[in-house]
Amino acid sequence: MRRALLAMGTVLALAACTEKPQTLDSGGKQDTASFQGTGMPFVAPGWKPGDKISWEQQLKTRAQNGQNDYVKVN
C-alpha cells in the first residue's frame, strides 16, 4: 500500500514537470504581407493598414529616430 502511494506520488510529481507542446500556430494569418496590418485598432499615427508606401515610410522613420544612435543627442 505504501509503495503504491509512493509510486502515485512520484508519477504525479513528474507529470507536473512536463512542458506544454510548442506549436507554430499563433492564431494569426501567416500568409499576408506585413503592411496589410493585423486588424487591430492600435496602429502608429500616420500609417494606414494596406498602404505599402506609408508602411515603408514608418519603417524608415522608426529606423532613423529610434535606432540610429548618431542622431540622438545627450
PDB file of N, CA and C in Angstrom:
ATOM      1  N   MET A   1       0.824  -1.186   0.000  1.00  0.00           N
ATOM      2  CA  MET A   1       0.000   0.000   0.000  1.00  0.00           C
ATOM      3  C   MET A   1       0.869   1.252   0.000  1.00  0.00           C
ATOM      4  N   ARG A   2       1.878   1.200   0.827  1.00  0.00           N
ATOM      5  CA  ARG A   2       2.748   2.364   0.948  1.00  0.00           C
ATOM      6  C   ARG A   2       3.524   2.594  -0.361  1.00  0.00           C
ATOM      7  N   ARG A   3       3.958   1.501  -1.006  1.00  0.00           N
ATOM      8  CA  ARG A   3       4.675   1.612  -2.278  1.00  0.00           C
ATOM      9  C   ARG A   3       3.769   2.165  -3.371  1.00  0.00           C
ATOM     10  N   ALA A   4       2.516   1.763  -3.349  1.00  0.00           N
ATOM     11  CA  ALA A   4       1.565   2.248  -4.351  1.00  0.00           C
ATOM     12  C   ALA A   4       1.368   3.750  -4.207  1.00  0.00           C
ATOM     13  N   LEU A   5       1.243   4.224  -2.966  1.00  0.00           N
ATOM     14  CA  LEU A   5       1.090   5.668  -2.750  1.00  0.00           C
ATOM     15  C   LEU A   5       2.347   6.420  -3.150  1.00  0.00           C
ATOM     16  N   LEU A   6       3.499   5.858  -2.849  1.00  0.00           N
ATOM     17  CA  LEU A   6       4.765   6.475  -3.237  1.00  0.00           C
ATOM     18  C   LEU A   6       4.891   6.522  -4.754  1.00  0.00           C
ATOM     19  N   ALA A   7       4.509   5.449  -5.426  1.00  0.00           N
ATOM     20  CA  ALA A   7       4.566   5.407  -6.887  1.00  0.00           C
ATOM     21  C   ALA A   7       3.597   6.420  -7.495  1.00  0.00           C
ATOM     22  N   MET A   8       2.385   6.529  -6.954  1.00  0.00           N
ATOM     23  CA  MET A   8       1.418   7.502  -7.466  1.00  0.00           C
ATOM     24  C   MET A   8       1.905   8.926  -7.220  1.00  0.00           C
ATOM     25  N   GLY A   9       2.486   9.165  -6.064  1.00  0.00           N
ATOM     26  CA  GLY A   9       3.020  10.492  -5.765  1.00  0.00           C
ATOM     27  C   GLY A   9       4.161  10.857  -6.699  1.00  0.00           C
ATOM     28  N   THR A  10       5.014   9.901  -7.004  1.00  0.00           N
ATOM     29  CA  THR A  10       6.120  10.137  -7.924  1.00  0.00           C
ATOM     30  C   THR A  10       5.604  10.428  -9.327  1.00  0.00           C
ATOM     31  N   VAL A  11       4.617   9.673  -9.757  1.00  0.00           N
ATOM     32  CA  VAL A  11       4.041   9.901 -11.090  1.00  0.00           C
ATOM     33  C   VAL A  11       3.397  11.278 -11.163  1.00  0.00           C
ATOM     34  N   LEU A  12       2.666  11.672 -10.148  1.00  0.00           N
ATOM     35  CA  LEU A  12       2.041  12.993 -10.139  1.00  0.00           C
ATOM     36  C   LEU A  12       3.078  14.103 -10.105  1.00  0.00           C
ATOM     37  N   ALA A  13       4.131  13.923  -9.338  1.00  0.00           N
ATOM     38  CA  ALA A  13       5.187  14.934  -9.268  1.00  0.00           C
ATOM     39  C   ALA A  13       5.890  15.087 -10.607  1.00  0.00           C
ATOM     40  N   LEU A  14       6.161  13.973 -11.279  1.00  0.00           N
ATOM     41  CA  LEU A  14       6.817  14.048 -12.583  1.00  0.00           C
ATOM     42  C   LEU A  14       5.880  14.571 -13.664  1.00  0.00           C
ATOM     43  N   ALA A  15       4.606  14.314 -13.541  1.00  0.00           N
ATOM     44  CA  ALA A  15       3.634  14.823 -14.517  1.00  0.00           C
ATOM     45  C   ALA A  15       3.535  16.338 -14.440  1.00  0.00           C
ATOM     46  N   ALA A  16       3.751  16.889 -13.273  1.00  0.00           N
ATOM     47  CA  ALA A  16       3.683  18.341 -13.115  1.00  0.00           C
ATOM     48  C   ALA A  16       4.892  19.029 -13.746  1.00  0.00           C
ATOM     49  N   CYS A  17       5.942  18.290 -14.015  1.00  0.00           N
ATOM     50  CA  CYS A  17       7.164  18.863 -14.573  1.00  0.00           C
ATOM     51  C   CYS A  17       7.206  18.831 -16.096  1.00  0.00           C
ATOM     52  N   THR A  18       6.172  18.328 -16.727  1.00  0.00           N
ATOM     53  CA  THR A  18       6.213  18.238 -18.183  1.00  0.00           C
ATOM     54  C   THR A  18       6.019  19.611 -18.806  1.00  0.00           C
ATOM     55  N   GLU A  19       6.496  19.754 -20.020  1.00  0.00           N
ATOM     56  CA  GLU A  19       6.414  21.012 -20.738  1.00  0.00           C
ATOM     57  C   GLU A  19       5.240  20.971 -21.710  1.00  0.00           C
ATOM     58  N   LYS A  20       4.584  22.111 -21.887  1.00  0.00           N
ATOM     59  CA  LYS A  20       3.489  22.194 -22.851  1.00  0.00           C
ATOM     60  C   LYS A  20       4.050  22.064 -24.261  1.00  0.00           C
ATOM     61  N   PRO A  21       3.308  21.476 -25.168  1.00  0.00           N
ATOM     62  CA  PRO A  21       3.786  21.397 -26.549  1.00  0.00           C
ATOM     63  C   PRO A  21       3.841  22.788 -27.184  1.00  0.00           C
ATOM     64  N   GLN A  22       4.898  23.046 -27.917  1.00  0.00           N
ATOM     65  CA  GLN A  22       5.067  24.336 -28.574  1.00  0.00           C
ATOM     66  C   GLN A  22       4.795  24.171 -30.055  1.00  0.00           C
ATOM     67  N   THR A  23       3.822  24.904 -30.549  1.00  0.00           N
ATOM     68  CA  THR A  23       3.459  24.807 -31.954  1.00  0.00           C
ATOM     69  C   THR A  23       3.625  26.157 -32.619  1.00  0.00           C
ATOM     70  N   LEU A  24       3.624  26.162 -33.934  1.00  0.00           N
ATOM     71  CA  LEU A  24       3.781  27.401 -34.682  1.00  0.00           C
ATOM     72  C   LEU A  24       2.462  28.149 -34.843  1.00  0.00           C
ATOM     73  N   ASP A  25       1.367  27.543 -34.486  1.00  0.00           N
ATOM     74  CA  ASP A  25       0.067  28.174 -34.654  1.00  0.00           C
ATOM     75  C   ASP A  25      -0.097  29.282 -33.623  1.00  0.00           C
ATOM     76  N   SER A  26      -0.048  30.521 -34.065  1.00  0.00           N
ATOM     77  CA  SER A  26      -0.204  31.650 -33.159  1.00  0.00           C
ATOM     78  C   SER A  26      -1.602  32.259 -33.249  1.00  0.00           C
ATOM     79  N   GLY A  27      -2.436  31.720 -34.093  1.00  0.00           N
ATOM     80  CA  GLY A  27      -3.791  32.227 -34.204  1.00  0.00           C
ATOM     81  C   GLY A  27      -3.959  33.258 -35.309  1.00  0.00           C
ATOM     82  N   GLY A  28      -2.871  33.845 -35.804  1.00  0.00           N
ATOM     83  CA  GLY A  28      -2.964  34.846 -36.850  1.00  0.00           C
ATOM     84  C   GLY A  28      -2.722  34.240 -38.215  1.00  0.00           C
ATOM     85  N   LYS A  29      -3.066  35.006 -39.239  1.00  0.00           N
ATOM     86  CA  LYS A  29      -2.818  34.536 -40.596  1.00  0.00           C
ATOM     87  C   LYS A  29      -1.348  34.744 -40.916  1.00  0.00           C
ATOM     88  N   GLN A  30      -0.719  33.737 -41.459  1.00  0.00           N
ATOM     89  CA  GLN A  30       0.697  33.792 -41.774  1.00  0.00           C
ATOM     90  C   GLN A  30       0.957  34.196 -43.230  1.00  0.00           C
ATOM     91  N   ASP A  31      -0.075  34.264 -44.046  1.00  0.00           N
ATOM     92  CA  ASP A  31       0.135  34.454 -45.477  1.00  0.00           C
ATOM     93  C   ASP A  31      -0.156  35.859 -45.975  1.00  0.00           C
ATOM     94  N   THR A  32      -0.246  36.834 -45.099  1.00  0.00           N
ATOM     95  CA  THR A  32      -0.495  38.200 -45.533  1.00  0.00           C
ATOM     96  C   THR A  32       0.777  39.030 -45.401  1.00  0.00           C
ATOM     97  N   ALA A  33       0.881  40.053 -46.210  1.00  0.00           N
ATOM     98  CA  ALA A  33       2.035  40.949 -46.146  1.00  0.00           C
ATOM     99  C   ALA A  33       1.966  41.792 -44.875  1.00  0.00           C
ATOM    100  N   SER A  34       3.117  42.208 -44.397  1.00  0.00           N
ATOM    101  CA  SER A  34       3.173  42.968 -43.151  1.00  0.00           C
ATOM    102  C   SER A  34       2.410  44.286 -43.232  1.00  0.00           C
ATOM    103  N   PHE A  35       2.453  44.938 -44.377  1.00  0.00           N
ATOM    104  CA  PHE A  35       1.797  46.233 -44.497  1.00  0.00           C
ATOM    105  C   PHE A  35       0.275  46.128 -44.534  1.00  0.00           C
ATOM    106  N   GLN A  36      -0.269  44.911 -44.612  1.00  0.00           N
ATOM    107  CA  GLN A  36      -1.719  44.740 -44.598  1.00  0.00           C
ATOM    108  C   GLN A  36      -2.313  44.988 -43.214  1.00  0.00           C
ATOM    109  N   GLY A  37      -1.497  44.900 -42.192  1.00  0.00           N
ATOM    110  CA  GLY A  37      -1.972  45.169 -40.843  1.00  0.00           C
ATOM    111  C   GLY A  37      -2.425  43.912 -40.131  1.00  0.00           C
ATOM    112  N   THR A  38      -2.790  44.089 -38.866  1.00  0.00           N
ATOM    113  CA  THR A  38      -3.189  42.965 -38.040  1.00  0.00           C
ATOM    114  C   THR A  38      -4.684  42.914 -37.795  1.00  0.00           C
ATOM    115  N   GLY A  39      -5.388  43.953 -38.167  1.00  0.00           N
ATOM    116  CA  GLY A  39      -6.814  44.003 -37.890  1.00  0.00           C
ATOM    117  C   GLY A  39      -7.102  44.621 -36.529  1.00  0.00           C
ATOM    118  N   MET A  40      -6.069  45.005 -35.814  1.00  0.00           N
ATOM    119  CA  MET A  40      -6.240  45.633 -34.503  1.00  0.00           C
ATOM    120  C   MET A  40      -6.334  47.152 -34.678  1.00  0.00           C
ATOM    121  N   PRO A  41      -7.039  47.828 -33.788  1.00  0.00           N
ATOM    122  CA  PRO A  41      -7.188  49.274 -33.936  1.00  0.00           C
ATOM    123  C   PRO A  41      -5.960  50.065 -33.491  1.00  0.00           C
ATOM    124  N   PHE A  42      -4.958  49.423 -32.922  1.00  0.00           N
ATOM    125  CA  PHE A  42      -3.803  50.120 -32.389  1.00  0.00           C
ATOM    126  C   PHE A  42      -2.691  50.156 -33.429  1.00  0.00           C
ATOM    127  N   VAL A  43      -2.544  51.277 -34.108  1.00  0.00           N
ATOM    128  CA  VAL A  43      -1.519  51.431 -35.130  1.00  0.00           C
ATOM    129  C   VAL A  43      -0.770  52.734 -34.882  1.00  0.00           C
ATOM    130  N   ALA A  44       0.380  52.850 -35.503  1.00  0.00           N
ATOM    131  CA  ALA A  44       1.174  54.068 -35.383  1.00  0.00           C
ATOM    132  C   ALA A  44       0.457  55.205 -36.095  1.00  0.00           C
ATOM    133  N   PRO A  45       0.516  56.406 -35.531  1.00  0.00           N
ATOM    134  CA  PRO A  45      -0.127  57.540 -36.198  1.00  0.00           C
ATOM    135  C   PRO A  45       0.514  57.801 -37.565  1.00  0.00           C
ATOM    136  N   GLY A  46      -0.298  58.026 -38.558  1.00  0.00           N
ATOM    137  CA  GLY A  46       0.186  58.298 -39.900  1.00  0.00           C
ATOM    138  C   GLY A  46       0.254  57.077 -40.789  1.00  0.00           C
ATOM    139  N   TRP A  47       0.030  55.908 -40.226  1.00  0.00           N
ATOM    140  CA  TRP A  47       0.061  54.689 -41.034  1.00  0.00           C
ATOM    141  C   TRP A  47      -1.342  54.161 -41.224  1.00  0.00           C
ATOM    142  N   LYS A  48      -1.664  53.810 -42.468  1.00  0.00           N
ATOM    143  CA  LYS A  48      -2.970  53.241 -42.782  1.00  0.00           C
ATOM    144  C   LYS A  48      -2.776  51.792 -43.185  1.00  0.00           C
ATOM    145  N   PRO A  49      -3.469  50.856 -42.550  1.00  0.00           N
ATOM    146  CA  PRO A  49      -3.326  49.441 -42.935  1.00  0.00           C
ATOM    147  C   PRO A  49      -3.651  49.232 -44.408  1.00  0.00           C
ATOM    148  N   GLY A  50      -2.782  48.513 -45.097  1.00  0.00           N
ATOM    149  CA  GLY A  50      -2.968  48.232 -46.512  1.00  0.00           C
ATOM    150  C   GLY A  50      -2.204  49.162 -47.425  1.00  0.00           C
ATOM    151  N   ASP A  51      -1.625  50.231 -46.882  1.00  0.00           N
ATOM    152  CA  ASP A  51      -0.883  51.200 -47.681  1.00  0.00           C
ATOM    153  C   ASP A  51       0.610  50.893 -47.574  1.00  0.00           C
ATOM    154  N   LYS A  52       1.176  50.314 -48.620  1.00  0.00           N
ATOM    155  CA  LYS A  52       2.569  49.876 -48.579  1.00  0.00           C
ATOM    156  C   LYS A  52       3.538  51.054 -48.484  1.00  0.00           C
ATOM    157  N   ILE A  53       3.239  52.149 -49.131  1.00  0.00           N
ATOM    158  CA  ILE A  53       4.137  53.311 -49.112  1.00  0.00           C
ATOM    159  C   ILE A  53       4.214  53.915 -47.712  1.00  0.00           C
ATOM    160  N   SER A  54       3.064  54.056 -47.040  1.00  0.00           N
ATOM    161  CA  SER A  54       3.102  54.600 -45.681  1.00  0.00           C
ATOM    162  C   SER A  54       3.765  53.616 -44.720  1.00  0.00           C
ATOM    163  N   TRP A  55       3.646  52.302 -44.971  1.00  0.00           N
ATOM    164  CA  TRP A  55       4.329  51.296 -44.153  1.00  0.00           C
ATOM    165  C   TRP A  55       5.848  51.457 -44.265  1.00  0.00           C
ATOM    166  N   GLU A  56       6.329  51.591 -45.498  1.00  0.00           N
ATOM    167  CA  GLU A  56       7.763  51.764 -45.704  1.00  0.00           C
ATOM    168  C   GLU A  56       8.256  53.066 -45.086  1.00  0.00           C
ATOM    169  N   GLN A  57       7.461  54.120 -45.163  1.00  0.00           N
ATOM    170  CA  GLN A  57       7.845  55.405 -44.562  1.00  0.00           C
ATOM    171  C   GLN A  57       7.911  55.281 -43.037  1.00  0.00           C
ATOM    172  N   GLN A  58       6.971  54.565 -42.438  1.00  0.00           N
ATOM    173  CA  GLN A  58       7.003  54.346 -40.984  1.00  0.00           C
ATOM    174  C   GLN A  58       8.246  53.568 -40.572  1.00  0.00           C
ATOM    175  N   LEU A  59       8.625  52.556 -41.357  1.00  0.00           N
ATOM    176  CA  LEU A  59       9.831  51.789 -41.054  1.00  0.00           C
ATOM    177  C   LEU A  59      11.079  52.657 -41.144  1.00  0.00           C
ATOM    178  N   LYS A  60      11.156  53.511 -42.173  1.00  0.00           N
ATOM    179  CA  LYS A  60      12.309  54.409 -42.311  1.00  0.00           C
ATOM    180  C   LYS A  60      12.376  55.382 -41.147  1.00  0.00           C
ATOM    181  N   THR A  61      11.230  55.943 -40.767  1.00  0.00           N
ATOM    182  CA  THR A  61      11.188  56.891 -39.657  1.00  0.00           C
ATOM    183  C   THR A  61      11.580  56.215 -38.356  1.00  0.00           C
ATOM    184  N   ARG A  62      11.080  55.030 -38.118  1.00  0.00           N
ATOM    185  CA  ARG A  62      11.408  54.306 -36.890  1.00  0.00           C
ATOM    186  C   ARG A  62      12.892  53.969 -36.834  1.00  0.00           C
ATOM    187  N   ALA A  63      13.451  53.543 -37.963  1.00  0.00           N
ATOM    188  CA  ALA A  63      14.873  53.203 -38.001  1.00  0.00           C
ATOM    189  C   ALA A  63      15.740  54.440 -37.794  1.00  0.00           C
ATOM    190  N   GLN A  64      15.335  55.565 -38.355  1.00  0.00           N
ATOM    191  CA  GLN A  64      16.122  56.790 -38.245  1.00  0.00           C
ATOM    192  C   GLN A  64      16.034  57.392 -36.852  1.00  0.00           C
ATOM    193  N   ASN A  65      14.847  57.466 -36.286  1.00  0.00           N
ATOM    194  CA  ASN A  65      14.664  58.141 -34.998  1.00  0.00           C
ATOM    195  C   ASN A  65      14.905  57.239 -33.799  1.00  0.00           C
ATOM    196  N   GLY A  66      14.532  55.986 -33.909  1.00  0.00           N
ATOM    197  CA  GLY A  66      14.593  55.128 -32.734  1.00  0.00           C
ATOM    198  C   GLY A  66      15.811  54.245 -32.641  1.00  0.00           C
ATOM    199  N   GLN A  67      16.485  53.977 -33.763  1.00  0.00           N
ATOM    200  CA  GLN A  67      17.575  53.015 -33.732  1.00  0.00           C
ATOM    201  C   GLN A  67      18.908  53.580 -34.191  1.00  0.00           C
ATOM    202  N   ASN A  68      18.939  54.830 -34.598  1.00  0.00           N
ATOM    203  CA  ASN A  68      20.176  55.439 -35.064  1.00  0.00           C
ATOM    204  C   ASN A  68      20.786  56.238 -33.921  1.00  0.00           C
ATOM    205  N   ASP A  69      21.854  55.716 -33.333  1.00  0.00           N
ATOM    206  CA  ASP A  69      22.469  56.374 -32.179  1.00  0.00           C
ATOM    207  C   ASP A  69      23.221  57.641 -32.553  1.00  0.00           C
ATOM    208  N   TYR A  70      23.562  57.827 -33.808  1.00  0.00           N
ATOM    209  CA  TYR A  70      24.270  59.032 -34.227  1.00  0.00           C
ATOM    210  C   TYR A  70      23.354  60.243 -34.220  1.00  0.00           C
ATOM    211  N   VAL A  71      22.065  60.032 -34.350  1.00  0.00           N
ATOM    212  CA  VAL A  71      21.121  61.134 -34.384  1.00  0.00           C
ATOM    213  C   VAL A  71      20.770  61.592 -32.959  1.00  0.00           C
ATOM    214  N   LYS A  72      20.835  60.673 -31.993  1.00  0.00           N
ATOM    215  CA  LYS A  72      20.473  61.001 -30.620  1.00  0.00           C
ATOM    216  C   LYS A  72      21.486  61.934 -29.994  1.00  0.00           C
ATOM    217  N   VAL A  73      20.987  62.958 -29.334  1.00  0.00           N
ATOM    218  CA  VAL A  73      21.853  63.930 -28.664  1.00  0.00           C
ATOM    219  C   VAL A  73      21.603  63.821 -27.176  1.00  0.00           C
ATOM    220  N   ASN A  74      22.672  63.657 -26.418  1.00  0.00           N
ATOM    221  CA  ASN A  74      22.529  63.564 -24.956  1.00  0.00           C
ATOM    222  C   ASN A  74      22.940  64.835 -24.298  1.00  0.00           C
TER     223      ASN A  74
END
